[in-house]
């Protein structure tokens, strides 16, 4: 099991970090990952773009997290999950993948905006709190080596490392089928965004 990485608590290290921020912030101010506007503080999104993001919350399918228009029973499942139950136990996402969130996600995946990983991880920790409570491991989705070479980083792994720091849950590289084959009782899925299409009847 992988150990949870934690930042150094050395006073010297902390002082160095504060000094570096003092110098770099005026020269390289944080910009909104969606529109590029300078952001006040450490947020990934500016005050104009954040309200445009359609965050997902209850009510939703207990299995895949598909949002419902109206309240249902706590264990209600969508039609798709009743017809073809997923291998995983539960899946949750922070927000919808649509026109408002697309630019932010593409910038994170392809434009080297790795600085927003801790901000997105914080959103995931909140959206997936019921999944993370009692979890033993957090598993990133592996990236094909060709894509890893072209991108130079795996955004899923960055999110998992940031989540591990927030939640103190260990992070390991593996997949759902591997975990189930290895004897895992339950596998939950937590993503940053998901496509939300009208439910099929």
N, C-alpha and C. Protein backbone atom coordinates (compact mmCIF):
# COMPACT_ATOMS: atom_id res chain seq x y z
N UNK A 1 0.85 -1.19 0.00
CA UNK A 1 0.00 0.00 0.00
C UNK A 1 0.88 1.23 0.00
N UNK A 2 0.56 2.18 -0.85
CA UNK A 2 1.38 3.38 -0.97
C UNK A 2 1.18 4.28 0.24
N UNK A 3 2.26 4.88 0.66
CA UNK A 3 2.19 5.81 1.78
C UNK A 3 1.61 7.13 1.30
N UNK A 4 0.90 7.81 2.18
CA UNK A 4 0.33 9.11 1.86
C UNK A 4 1.42 10.16 1.92
N UNK A 5 1.59 10.92 0.84
CA UNK A 5 2.61 11.96 0.83
C UNK A 5 2.11 13.18 1.57
N UNK A 6 2.92 13.71 2.44
CA UNK A 6 2.57 14.89 3.20
C UNK A 6 3.68 15.92 3.07
N UNK A 7 3.28 17.22 2.94
CA UNK A 7 4.31 18.24 2.80
C UNK A 7 5.12 18.40 4.06
N UNK A 8 6.34 18.88 3.90
CA UNK A 8 7.21 19.10 5.05
C UNK A 8 6.65 20.20 5.95
N UNK A 9 6.77 19.99 7.25
CA UNK A 9 6.28 20.97 8.21
C UNK A 9 7.43 21.78 8.79
N UNK A 10 8.62 21.68 8.18
CA UNK A 10 9.78 22.40 8.67
C UNK A 10 9.55 23.90 8.61
N UNK A 11 9.89 24.64 9.67
CA UNK A 11 9.74 26.10 9.65
C UNK A 11 10.55 26.74 8.53
N UNK A 12 11.72 26.19 8.25
CA UNK A 12 12.55 26.73 7.18
C UNK A 12 11.86 26.54 5.83
N UNK A 13 11.29 25.33 5.63
CA UNK A 13 10.59 25.06 4.38
C UNK A 13 9.38 25.96 4.22
N UNK A 14 8.62 26.15 5.30
CA UNK A 14 7.44 27.01 5.25
C UNK A 14 7.82 28.45 4.94
N UNK A 15 8.90 28.92 5.56
CA UNK A 15 9.35 30.30 5.32
C UNK A 15 9.80 30.47 3.88
N UNK A 16 10.49 29.47 3.35
CA UNK A 16 10.95 29.52 1.96
C UNK A 16 9.76 29.58 1.00
N UNK A 17 8.72 28.77 1.30
CA UNK A 17 7.53 28.76 0.45
C UNK A 17 6.83 30.11 0.47
N UNK A 18 6.70 30.71 1.66
CA UNK A 18 6.06 32.02 1.75
C UNK A 18 6.86 33.07 1.00
N UNK A 19 8.18 33.00 1.09
CA UNK A 19 9.01 33.95 0.37
C UNK A 19 8.89 33.80 -1.13
N UNK A 20 8.82 32.55 -1.59
CA UNK A 20 8.67 32.29 -3.01
C UNK A 20 7.33 32.81 -3.52
N UNK A 21 6.27 32.60 -2.74
CA UNK A 21 4.96 33.11 -3.12
C UNK A 21 4.96 34.64 -3.17
N UNK A 22 5.64 35.28 -2.23
CA UNK A 22 5.70 36.74 -2.16
C UNK A 22 6.31 37.31 -3.44
N UNK A 23 7.33 36.62 -3.96
CA UNK A 23 8.01 37.08 -5.16
C UNK A 23 7.24 36.73 -6.43
N UNK A 24 6.69 35.49 -6.48
CA UNK A 24 6.08 35.00 -7.71
C UNK A 24 4.66 35.52 -7.94
N UNK A 25 3.90 35.77 -6.86
CA UNK A 25 2.51 36.18 -7.03
C UNK A 25 2.34 37.45 -7.86
N UNK A 26 3.11 38.53 -7.60
CA UNK A 26 2.95 39.73 -8.44
C UNK A 26 3.43 39.51 -9.87
N UNK A 27 4.44 38.66 -10.07
CA UNK A 27 4.98 38.44 -11.40
C UNK A 27 4.14 37.46 -12.21
N UNK A 28 3.65 36.41 -11.54
CA UNK A 28 2.85 35.39 -12.20
C UNK A 28 1.54 35.19 -11.43
N UNK A 29 0.62 36.15 -11.52
CA UNK A 29 -0.62 36.04 -10.76
C UNK A 29 -1.47 34.85 -11.21
N UNK A 30 -2.20 34.28 -10.28
CA UNK A 30 -3.08 33.17 -10.60
C UNK A 30 -4.17 33.65 -11.55
N UNK A 31 -4.42 32.88 -12.60
CA UNK A 31 -5.45 33.23 -13.57
C UNK A 31 -6.53 32.17 -13.60
N UNK A 32 -7.74 32.61 -13.87
CA UNK A 32 -8.88 31.70 -13.96
C UNK A 32 -8.58 30.65 -15.03
N UNK A 33 -8.78 29.40 -14.72
CA UNK A 33 -8.48 28.33 -15.65
C UNK A 33 -9.46 28.30 -16.82
N UNK A 34 -10.58 28.99 -16.68
CA UNK A 34 -11.59 28.99 -17.73
C UNK A 34 -11.45 30.16 -18.70
N UNK A 35 -11.34 31.39 -18.16
CA UNK A 35 -11.31 32.57 -19.03
C UNK A 35 -9.98 33.30 -19.04
N UNK A 36 -9.08 33.01 -18.09
CA UNK A 36 -7.78 33.65 -18.07
C UNK A 36 -7.70 34.93 -17.26
N UNK A 37 -8.81 35.34 -16.67
CA UNK A 37 -8.82 36.54 -15.84
C UNK A 37 -8.00 36.32 -14.57
N UNK A 38 -7.29 37.36 -14.12
CA UNK A 38 -6.54 37.25 -12.87
C UNK A 38 -7.50 36.98 -11.72
N UNK A 39 -7.17 35.99 -10.91
CA UNK A 39 -8.03 35.56 -9.80
C UNK A 39 -7.48 36.08 -8.48
N UNK A 40 -8.35 36.65 -7.68
CA UNK A 40 -7.95 37.06 -6.33
C UNK A 40 -7.97 35.84 -5.42
N UNK A 41 -6.84 35.53 -4.81
CA UNK A 41 -6.77 34.36 -3.94
C UNK A 41 -6.25 33.15 -4.68
N UNK A 42 -6.61 31.96 -4.17
CA UNK A 42 -6.06 30.72 -4.70
C UNK A 42 -7.04 29.90 -5.51
N UNK A 43 -8.23 30.42 -5.79
CA UNK A 43 -9.23 29.64 -6.50
C UNK A 43 -8.85 29.37 -7.94
N UNK A 44 -9.40 28.29 -8.48
CA UNK A 44 -9.14 27.93 -9.88
C UNK A 44 -10.03 28.73 -10.83
N UNK A 45 -11.18 29.19 -10.34
CA UNK A 45 -12.15 29.89 -11.16
C UNK A 45 -12.40 31.30 -10.64
N UNK A 46 -12.63 32.22 -11.57
CA UNK A 46 -12.91 33.61 -11.17
C UNK A 46 -14.37 33.73 -10.74
N UNK A 47 -14.71 34.89 -10.21
CA UNK A 47 -16.07 35.12 -9.69
C UNK A 47 -17.12 35.09 -10.79
N UNK A 48 -16.71 35.35 -12.04
CA UNK A 48 -17.67 35.32 -13.14
C UNK A 48 -17.89 33.91 -13.68
N UNK A 49 -16.83 33.11 -13.73
CA UNK A 49 -16.94 31.77 -14.31
C UNK A 49 -17.52 30.74 -13.34
N UNK A 50 -17.22 30.88 -12.06
CA UNK A 50 -17.67 29.86 -11.10
C UNK A 50 -19.19 29.69 -11.10
N UNK A 51 -19.99 30.78 -11.13
CA UNK A 51 -21.45 30.57 -11.13
C UNK A 51 -21.96 29.87 -12.39
N UNK A 52 -21.16 29.90 -13.47
CA UNK A 52 -21.58 29.25 -14.70
C UNK A 52 -21.41 27.74 -14.65
N UNK A 53 -20.56 27.26 -13.74
CA UNK A 53 -20.33 25.82 -13.60
C UNK A 53 -21.53 25.18 -12.93
N UNK A 54 -22.03 24.11 -13.50
CA UNK A 54 -23.21 23.44 -12.95
C UNK A 54 -22.74 22.29 -12.04
N UNK A 55 -22.59 22.61 -10.77
CA UNK A 55 -22.14 21.62 -9.80
C UNK A 55 -23.24 20.60 -9.55
N UNK A 56 -22.83 19.35 -9.33
CA UNK A 56 -23.78 18.26 -9.13
C UNK A 56 -23.93 17.93 -7.65
N UNK A 57 -25.14 17.68 -7.24
CA UNK A 57 -25.42 17.32 -5.85
C UNK A 57 -26.70 16.50 -5.83
N UNK A 58 -27.15 16.14 -4.64
CA UNK A 58 -28.40 15.41 -4.53
C UNK A 58 -29.57 16.26 -5.01
N UNK A 59 -30.62 15.60 -5.55
CA UNK A 59 -30.82 14.14 -5.67
C UNK A 59 -30.12 13.58 -6.90
N UNK A 60 -29.64 12.33 -6.76
CA UNK A 60 -28.98 11.68 -7.86
C UNK A 60 -29.08 10.17 -7.71
N UNK A 61 -28.73 9.47 -8.79
CA UNK A 61 -28.72 8.01 -8.77
C UNK A 61 -27.70 7.54 -7.74
N UNK A 62 -28.11 6.62 -6.90
CA UNK A 62 -27.22 6.12 -5.84
C UNK A 62 -26.01 5.40 -6.41
N UNK A 63 -26.15 4.85 -7.62
CA UNK A 63 -25.05 4.11 -8.22
C UNK A 63 -24.13 5.03 -9.02
N UNK A 64 -24.59 5.56 -10.14
CA UNK A 64 -23.71 6.30 -11.05
C UNK A 64 -23.66 7.80 -10.77
N UNK A 65 -24.56 8.31 -9.91
CA UNK A 65 -24.54 9.73 -9.60
C UNK A 65 -25.28 10.61 -10.60
N UNK A 66 -26.00 10.00 -11.56
CA UNK A 66 -26.76 10.79 -12.53
C UNK A 66 -27.76 11.67 -11.80
N UNK A 67 -27.76 12.98 -12.09
CA UNK A 67 -28.64 13.89 -11.35
C UNK A 67 -30.12 13.69 -11.69
N UNK A 68 -30.96 13.67 -10.66
CA UNK A 68 -32.40 13.60 -10.85
C UNK A 68 -33.00 15.00 -10.76
N UNK A 69 -34.10 15.21 -11.47
CA UNK A 69 -34.78 16.51 -11.42
C UNK A 69 -35.58 16.65 -10.13
N UNK A 70 -36.04 15.52 -9.59
CA UNK A 70 -36.87 15.55 -8.39
C UNK A 70 -36.31 14.59 -7.35
N UNK A 71 -36.68 14.78 -6.11
CA UNK A 71 -36.23 13.91 -5.03
C UNK A 71 -36.76 12.49 -5.21
N UNK A 72 -35.90 11.54 -4.91
CA UNK A 72 -36.27 10.13 -4.93
C UNK A 72 -35.81 9.51 -3.62
N UNK A 73 -36.07 8.23 -3.47
CA UNK A 73 -35.59 7.52 -2.29
C UNK A 73 -34.06 7.56 -2.28
N UNK A 74 -33.49 7.48 -1.09
CA UNK A 74 -32.04 7.62 -0.94
C UNK A 74 -31.27 6.58 -1.76
N UNK A 75 -31.87 5.40 -1.95
CA UNK A 75 -31.17 4.32 -2.68
C UNK A 75 -31.68 4.18 -4.11
N UNK A 76 -32.36 5.20 -4.62
CA UNK A 76 -32.92 5.13 -5.98
C UNK A 76 -31.82 5.07 -7.03
N UNK A 77 -32.07 4.29 -8.09
CA UNK A 77 -31.13 4.18 -9.20
C UNK A 77 -31.80 4.66 -10.48
N UNK A 78 -30.98 5.15 -11.41
CA UNK A 78 -31.51 5.59 -12.69
C UNK A 78 -31.85 4.36 -13.54
N UNK A 79 -32.58 4.57 -14.63
CA UNK A 79 -33.01 3.47 -15.48
C UNK A 79 -31.82 2.72 -16.05
N UNK A 80 -30.77 3.44 -16.43
CA UNK A 80 -29.59 2.80 -17.03
C UNK A 80 -28.93 1.84 -16.05
N UNK A 81 -28.85 2.22 -14.78
CA UNK A 81 -28.20 1.36 -13.79
C UNK A 81 -29.07 0.17 -13.41
N UNK A 82 -30.40 0.32 -13.52
CA UNK A 82 -31.26 -0.83 -13.28
C UNK A 82 -31.11 -1.85 -14.41
N UNK A 83 -31.01 -1.35 -15.65
CA UNK A 83 -30.89 -2.24 -16.80
C UNK A 83 -29.53 -2.94 -16.83
N UNK A 84 -28.49 -2.18 -16.55
CA UNK A 84 -27.12 -2.71 -16.64
C UNK A 84 -26.30 -2.20 -15.45
N UNK A 85 -26.41 -2.86 -14.31
CA UNK A 85 -25.70 -2.39 -13.11
C UNK A 85 -24.20 -2.29 -13.35
N UNK A 86 -23.58 -1.19 -12.95
CA UNK A 86 -22.13 -1.03 -13.15
C UNK A 86 -21.33 -1.95 -12.23
N UNK A 87 -20.06 -2.18 -12.61
CA UNK A 87 -19.19 -3.00 -11.77
C UNK A 87 -18.90 -2.32 -10.45
N UNK A 88 -18.71 -1.00 -10.51
CA UNK A 88 -18.40 -0.25 -9.29
C UNK A 88 -19.64 -0.10 -8.42
N UNK A 89 -19.43 0.27 -7.17
CA UNK A 89 -20.53 0.44 -6.23
C UNK A 89 -21.20 1.80 -6.40
N UNK A 90 -20.41 2.87 -6.41
CA UNK A 90 -20.94 4.24 -6.53
C UNK A 90 -19.98 5.10 -7.34
N UNK A 91 -20.54 6.06 -8.06
CA UNK A 91 -19.73 7.04 -8.80
C UNK A 91 -20.30 8.44 -8.54
N UNK A 92 -19.42 9.39 -8.34
CA UNK A 92 -19.83 10.77 -8.11
C UNK A 92 -18.94 11.68 -8.95
N UNK A 93 -19.47 12.84 -9.33
CA UNK A 93 -18.71 13.84 -10.08
C UNK A 93 -18.97 15.21 -9.47
N UNK A 94 -18.02 16.12 -9.65
CA UNK A 94 -18.14 17.46 -9.08
C UNK A 94 -19.12 18.31 -9.87
N UNK A 95 -18.96 18.33 -11.20
CA UNK A 95 -19.82 19.17 -12.03
C UNK A 95 -20.05 18.54 -13.39
N UNK A 96 -21.00 19.11 -14.13
CA UNK A 96 -21.33 18.64 -15.46
C UNK A 96 -20.21 18.99 -16.44
N UNK A 97 -19.99 18.12 -17.40
CA UNK A 97 -19.10 18.44 -18.50
C UNK A 97 -19.97 19.06 -19.59
N UNK A 98 -19.87 20.36 -19.78
CA UNK A 98 -20.66 21.08 -20.77
C UNK A 98 -19.86 22.26 -21.28
N UNK A 99 -20.52 23.17 -21.97
CA UNK A 99 -19.82 24.32 -22.54
C UNK A 99 -19.16 25.18 -21.48
N UNK A 100 -19.77 25.28 -20.31
CA UNK A 100 -19.23 26.14 -19.25
C UNK A 100 -17.97 25.55 -18.61
N UNK A 101 -17.90 24.23 -18.50
CA UNK A 101 -16.76 23.60 -17.82
C UNK A 101 -15.70 23.07 -18.79
N UNK A 102 -16.02 23.00 -20.07
CA UNK A 102 -15.10 22.36 -21.03
C UNK A 102 -13.73 23.02 -21.06
N UNK A 103 -13.69 24.35 -21.14
CA UNK A 103 -12.41 25.04 -21.25
C UNK A 103 -11.53 24.80 -20.03
N UNK A 104 -12.15 24.80 -18.84
CA UNK A 104 -11.39 24.57 -17.62
C UNK A 104 -10.78 23.17 -17.62
N UNK A 105 -11.54 22.18 -18.04
CA UNK A 105 -11.04 20.81 -18.04
C UNK A 105 -9.97 20.60 -19.10
N UNK A 106 -10.16 21.19 -20.27
CA UNK A 106 -9.15 21.06 -21.32
C UNK A 106 -7.84 21.73 -20.93
N UNK A 107 -7.95 22.87 -20.26
CA UNK A 107 -6.73 23.56 -19.80
C UNK A 107 -5.99 22.72 -18.77
N UNK A 108 -6.73 22.06 -17.90
CA UNK A 108 -6.11 21.21 -16.88
C UNK A 108 -5.46 19.99 -17.51
N UNK A 109 -6.11 19.41 -18.52
CA UNK A 109 -5.62 18.18 -19.14
C UNK A 109 -4.50 18.42 -20.15
N UNK A 110 -4.59 19.52 -20.91
CA UNK A 110 -3.69 19.68 -22.05
C UNK A 110 -2.84 20.94 -22.03
N UNK A 111 -3.12 21.90 -21.16
CA UNK A 111 -2.43 23.19 -21.22
C UNK A 111 -1.52 23.43 -20.02
N UNK A 112 -1.11 22.36 -19.36
CA UNK A 112 -0.13 22.46 -18.26
C UNK A 112 -0.63 23.26 -17.06
N UNK A 113 -1.94 23.37 -16.88
CA UNK A 113 -2.46 24.09 -15.71
C UNK A 113 -2.55 23.13 -14.51
N UNK A 114 -1.43 22.51 -14.20
CA UNK A 114 -1.38 21.56 -13.09
C UNK A 114 -1.51 22.26 -11.74
N UNK A 115 -1.36 23.59 -11.73
CA UNK A 115 -1.44 24.33 -10.47
C UNK A 115 -2.83 24.29 -9.84
N UNK A 116 -3.85 23.96 -10.64
CA UNK A 116 -5.21 23.95 -10.11
C UNK A 116 -5.61 22.59 -9.55
N UNK A 117 -4.72 21.60 -9.61
CA UNK A 117 -5.05 20.26 -9.09
C UNK A 117 -5.52 20.30 -7.64
N UNK A 118 -4.85 21.04 -6.74
CA UNK A 118 -5.33 21.08 -5.35
C UNK A 118 -6.72 21.69 -5.22
N UNK A 119 -7.04 22.70 -6.05
CA UNK A 119 -8.36 23.31 -6.00
C UNK A 119 -9.43 22.33 -6.46
N UNK A 120 -9.17 21.64 -7.57
CA UNK A 120 -10.12 20.65 -8.06
C UNK A 120 -10.24 19.49 -7.08
N UNK A 121 -9.14 19.10 -6.47
CA UNK A 121 -9.18 18.01 -5.49
C UNK A 121 -10.04 18.39 -4.29
N UNK A 122 -9.99 19.66 -3.89
CA UNK A 122 -10.84 20.12 -2.79
C UNK A 122 -12.31 19.99 -3.14
N UNK A 123 -12.65 20.32 -4.40
CA UNK A 123 -14.03 20.16 -4.85
C UNK A 123 -14.43 18.69 -4.85
N UNK A 124 -13.51 17.83 -5.27
CA UNK A 124 -13.79 16.40 -5.30
C UNK A 124 -13.95 15.83 -3.90
N UNK A 125 -13.16 16.32 -2.97
CA UNK A 125 -13.27 15.85 -1.59
C UNK A 125 -14.65 16.17 -1.01
N UNK A 126 -15.19 17.32 -1.40
CA UNK A 126 -16.51 17.71 -0.92
C UNK A 126 -17.60 16.90 -1.62
N UNK A 127 -17.51 16.78 -2.94
CA UNK A 127 -18.53 16.05 -3.70
C UNK A 127 -18.52 14.56 -3.38
N UNK A 128 -17.34 14.03 -3.07
CA UNK A 128 -17.23 12.59 -2.81
C UNK A 128 -17.02 12.22 -1.37
N UNK A 129 -17.47 13.08 -0.47
CA UNK A 129 -17.23 12.84 0.96
C UNK A 129 -17.78 11.50 1.43
N UNK A 130 -18.94 11.10 0.90
CA UNK A 130 -19.52 9.82 1.33
C UNK A 130 -18.71 8.64 0.81
N UNK A 131 -18.01 8.82 -0.32
CA UNK A 131 -17.17 7.76 -0.87
C UNK A 131 -15.85 7.68 -0.12
N UNK A 132 -15.32 8.84 0.24
CA UNK A 132 -13.99 8.89 0.85
C UNK A 132 -14.00 8.48 2.32
N UNK A 133 -15.15 8.64 2.97
CA UNK A 133 -15.25 8.24 4.36
C UNK A 133 -15.10 6.72 4.49
N UNK A 134 -14.07 6.30 5.16
CA UNK A 134 -13.83 4.87 5.33
C UNK A 134 -13.08 4.22 4.18
N UNK A 135 -12.73 5.01 3.14
CA UNK A 135 -11.99 4.43 2.01
C UNK A 135 -10.57 4.05 2.44
N UNK A 136 -10.06 2.97 1.90
CA UNK A 136 -8.70 2.51 2.20
C UNK A 136 -7.68 3.06 1.21
N UNK A 137 -8.10 3.20 -0.05
CA UNK A 137 -7.19 3.62 -1.10
C UNK A 137 -7.89 4.56 -2.07
N UNK A 138 -7.13 5.44 -2.70
CA UNK A 138 -7.63 6.25 -3.81
C UNK A 138 -6.82 5.86 -5.04
N UNK A 139 -7.50 5.51 -6.12
CA UNK A 139 -6.84 4.95 -7.28
C UNK A 139 -7.01 5.86 -8.50
N UNK A 140 -5.91 6.34 -9.09
CA UNK A 140 -6.02 7.14 -10.32
C UNK A 140 -6.24 6.26 -11.54
N UNK A 141 -6.91 6.80 -12.55
CA UNK A 141 -7.07 6.07 -13.81
C UNK A 141 -5.75 6.15 -14.58
N UNK A 142 -5.18 5.01 -14.96
CA UNK A 142 -3.90 5.03 -15.68
C UNK A 142 -4.03 5.72 -17.03
N UNK A 143 -2.98 6.36 -17.47
CA UNK A 143 -2.94 7.03 -18.77
C UNK A 143 -2.03 6.23 -19.70
N UNK A 144 -2.49 6.01 -20.93
CA UNK A 144 -1.65 5.27 -21.88
C UNK A 144 -0.31 5.97 -22.03
N UNK A 145 0.74 5.19 -22.15
CA UNK A 145 2.09 5.75 -22.16
C UNK A 145 2.30 6.78 -23.27
N UNK A 146 1.63 6.59 -24.42
CA UNK A 146 1.77 7.57 -25.50
C UNK A 146 1.17 8.92 -25.10
N UNK A 147 0.01 8.87 -24.46
CA UNK A 147 -0.60 10.12 -24.00
C UNK A 147 0.22 10.73 -22.86
N UNK A 148 0.76 9.89 -22.02
CA UNK A 148 1.57 10.39 -20.91
C UNK A 148 2.81 11.10 -21.44
N UNK A 149 3.41 10.57 -22.50
CA UNK A 149 4.59 11.19 -23.09
C UNK A 149 4.21 12.54 -23.71
N UNK A 150 3.06 12.60 -24.40
CA UNK A 150 2.67 13.84 -25.07
C UNK A 150 2.23 14.90 -24.07
N UNK A 151 1.53 14.49 -23.00
CA UNK A 151 1.05 15.46 -22.01
C UNK A 151 2.10 15.77 -20.94
N UNK A 152 2.95 14.80 -20.66
CA UNK A 152 4.01 14.90 -19.65
C UNK A 152 3.49 14.71 -18.23
N UNK A 153 2.22 14.52 -18.05
CA UNK A 153 1.66 14.25 -16.72
C UNK A 153 0.30 13.58 -16.87
N UNK A 154 -0.11 12.89 -15.81
CA UNK A 154 -1.42 12.25 -15.76
C UNK A 154 -2.28 13.07 -14.80
N UNK A 155 -3.27 13.78 -15.33
CA UNK A 155 -4.09 14.66 -14.49
C UNK A 155 -4.84 13.90 -13.42
N UNK A 156 -5.19 12.64 -13.70
CA UNK A 156 -5.86 11.82 -12.70
C UNK A 156 -4.95 11.56 -11.50
N UNK A 157 -3.68 11.28 -11.78
CA UNK A 157 -2.72 11.03 -10.71
C UNK A 157 -2.50 12.30 -9.88
N UNK A 158 -2.47 13.46 -10.53
CA UNK A 158 -2.30 14.72 -9.79
C UNK A 158 -3.47 14.94 -8.84
N UNK A 159 -4.68 14.66 -9.32
CA UNK A 159 -5.86 14.83 -8.46
C UNK A 159 -5.82 13.86 -7.29
N UNK A 160 -5.40 12.63 -7.55
CA UNK A 160 -5.34 11.62 -6.49
C UNK A 160 -4.31 12.01 -5.42
N UNK A 161 -3.15 12.49 -5.84
CA UNK A 161 -2.13 12.90 -4.87
C UNK A 161 -2.64 14.06 -4.02
N UNK A 162 -3.33 15.00 -4.65
CA UNK A 162 -3.89 16.13 -3.89
C UNK A 162 -5.00 15.66 -2.95
N UNK A 163 -5.82 14.71 -3.41
CA UNK A 163 -6.87 14.15 -2.55
C UNK A 163 -6.27 13.41 -1.36
N UNK A 164 -5.18 12.70 -1.61
CA UNK A 164 -4.53 11.96 -0.53
C UNK A 164 -4.05 12.91 0.56
N UNK A 165 -3.56 14.07 0.16
CA UNK A 165 -3.10 15.04 1.14
C UNK A 165 -4.26 15.61 1.95
N UNK A 166 -5.41 15.80 1.29
CA UNK A 166 -6.57 16.38 1.96
C UNK A 166 -7.23 15.37 2.89
N UNK A 167 -7.36 14.13 2.43
CA UNK A 167 -8.15 13.13 3.14
C UNK A 167 -7.33 12.15 3.96
N UNK A 168 -6.01 12.11 3.74
CA UNK A 168 -5.14 11.14 4.41
C UNK A 168 -5.45 9.70 4.01
N UNK A 169 -6.10 9.52 2.84
CA UNK A 169 -6.33 8.18 2.30
C UNK A 169 -5.19 7.86 1.35
N UNK A 170 -4.62 6.69 1.45
CA UNK A 170 -3.48 6.32 0.63
C UNK A 170 -3.86 6.27 -0.84
N UNK A 171 -2.90 6.61 -1.71
CA UNK A 171 -3.12 6.60 -3.15
C UNK A 171 -2.25 5.52 -3.79
N UNK A 172 -2.86 4.70 -4.66
CA UNK A 172 -2.11 3.66 -5.37
C UNK A 172 -2.56 3.62 -6.82
N UNK A 173 -1.66 3.25 -7.75
CA UNK A 173 -2.03 3.11 -9.16
C UNK A 173 -2.61 1.73 -9.44
N UNK A 174 -3.89 1.67 -9.82
CA UNK A 174 -4.53 0.40 -10.16
C UNK A 174 -5.86 0.72 -10.84
N UNK A 175 -6.62 -0.31 -11.18
CA UNK A 175 -7.92 -0.13 -11.84
C UNK A 175 -8.99 -0.95 -11.14
N UNK A 176 -10.25 -0.64 -11.46
CA UNK A 176 -11.37 -1.31 -10.81
C UNK A 176 -11.31 -2.82 -10.97
N UNK A 177 -11.13 -3.29 -12.20
CA UNK A 177 -11.12 -4.74 -12.42
C UNK A 177 -9.98 -5.41 -11.68
N UNK A 178 -8.84 -4.75 -11.64
CA UNK A 178 -7.70 -5.31 -10.93
C UNK A 178 -8.00 -5.41 -9.44
N UNK A 179 -8.62 -4.36 -8.89
CA UNK A 179 -8.95 -4.35 -7.47
C UNK A 179 -9.98 -5.43 -7.14
N UNK A 180 -11.00 -5.55 -7.98
CA UNK A 180 -12.03 -6.57 -7.74
C UNK A 180 -11.43 -7.97 -7.88
N UNK A 181 -10.58 -8.15 -8.88
CA UNK A 181 -9.94 -9.44 -9.07
C UNK A 181 -9.02 -9.77 -7.90
N UNK A 182 -8.48 -8.73 -7.28
CA UNK A 182 -7.59 -8.94 -6.16
C UNK A 182 -8.30 -9.14 -4.84
N UNK A 183 -9.64 -9.04 -4.85
CA UNK A 183 -10.39 -9.32 -3.65
C UNK A 183 -11.07 -8.13 -3.01
N UNK A 184 -11.04 -6.94 -3.66
CA UNK A 184 -11.71 -5.78 -3.09
C UNK A 184 -13.21 -6.03 -3.01
N UNK A 185 -13.81 -5.68 -1.89
CA UNK A 185 -15.25 -5.88 -1.72
C UNK A 185 -16.06 -4.84 -2.47
N UNK A 186 -15.59 -3.59 -2.45
CA UNK A 186 -16.33 -2.47 -3.05
C UNK A 186 -15.34 -1.54 -3.73
N UNK A 187 -15.71 -1.04 -4.91
CA UNK A 187 -14.92 -0.02 -5.61
C UNK A 187 -15.85 1.13 -5.96
N UNK A 188 -15.56 2.34 -5.48
CA UNK A 188 -16.32 3.53 -5.80
C UNK A 188 -15.52 4.38 -6.78
N UNK A 189 -16.21 5.25 -7.52
CA UNK A 189 -15.58 6.09 -8.53
C UNK A 189 -15.89 7.56 -8.26
N UNK A 190 -14.86 8.39 -8.24
CA UNK A 190 -15.02 9.82 -8.03
C UNK A 190 -14.33 10.56 -9.16
N UNK A 191 -15.07 11.38 -9.92
CA UNK A 191 -14.51 12.10 -11.04
C UNK A 191 -14.73 13.60 -10.88
N UNK A 192 -13.96 14.36 -11.64
CA UNK A 192 -14.10 15.81 -11.59
C UNK A 192 -15.34 16.28 -12.33
N UNK A 193 -15.63 15.68 -13.48
CA UNK A 193 -16.78 16.08 -14.28
C UNK A 193 -17.38 14.87 -14.98
N UNK A 194 -18.64 15.01 -15.40
CA UNK A 194 -19.29 13.94 -16.13
C UNK A 194 -20.25 14.54 -17.15
N UNK A 195 -20.43 13.81 -18.24
CA UNK A 195 -21.42 14.19 -19.25
C UNK A 195 -22.80 13.81 -18.72
N UNK A 196 -23.74 14.73 -18.80
CA UNK A 196 -25.11 14.47 -18.33
C UNK A 196 -26.06 14.60 -19.52
N UNK A 197 -26.52 13.46 -20.00
CA UNK A 197 -27.47 13.44 -21.11
C UNK A 197 -28.85 13.07 -20.56
N UNK A 198 -29.93 13.46 -21.27
CA UNK A 198 -31.27 13.09 -20.80
C UNK A 198 -31.37 11.59 -20.58
N UNK A 199 -31.97 11.20 -19.48
CA UNK A 199 -32.08 9.78 -19.16
C UNK A 199 -32.94 9.07 -20.18
N UNK A 200 -32.48 7.91 -20.65
CA UNK A 200 -33.25 7.12 -21.59
C UNK A 200 -34.32 6.34 -20.84
N UNK A 201 -35.44 6.16 -21.45
CA UNK A 201 -36.56 5.48 -20.79
C UNK A 201 -36.69 4.05 -21.31
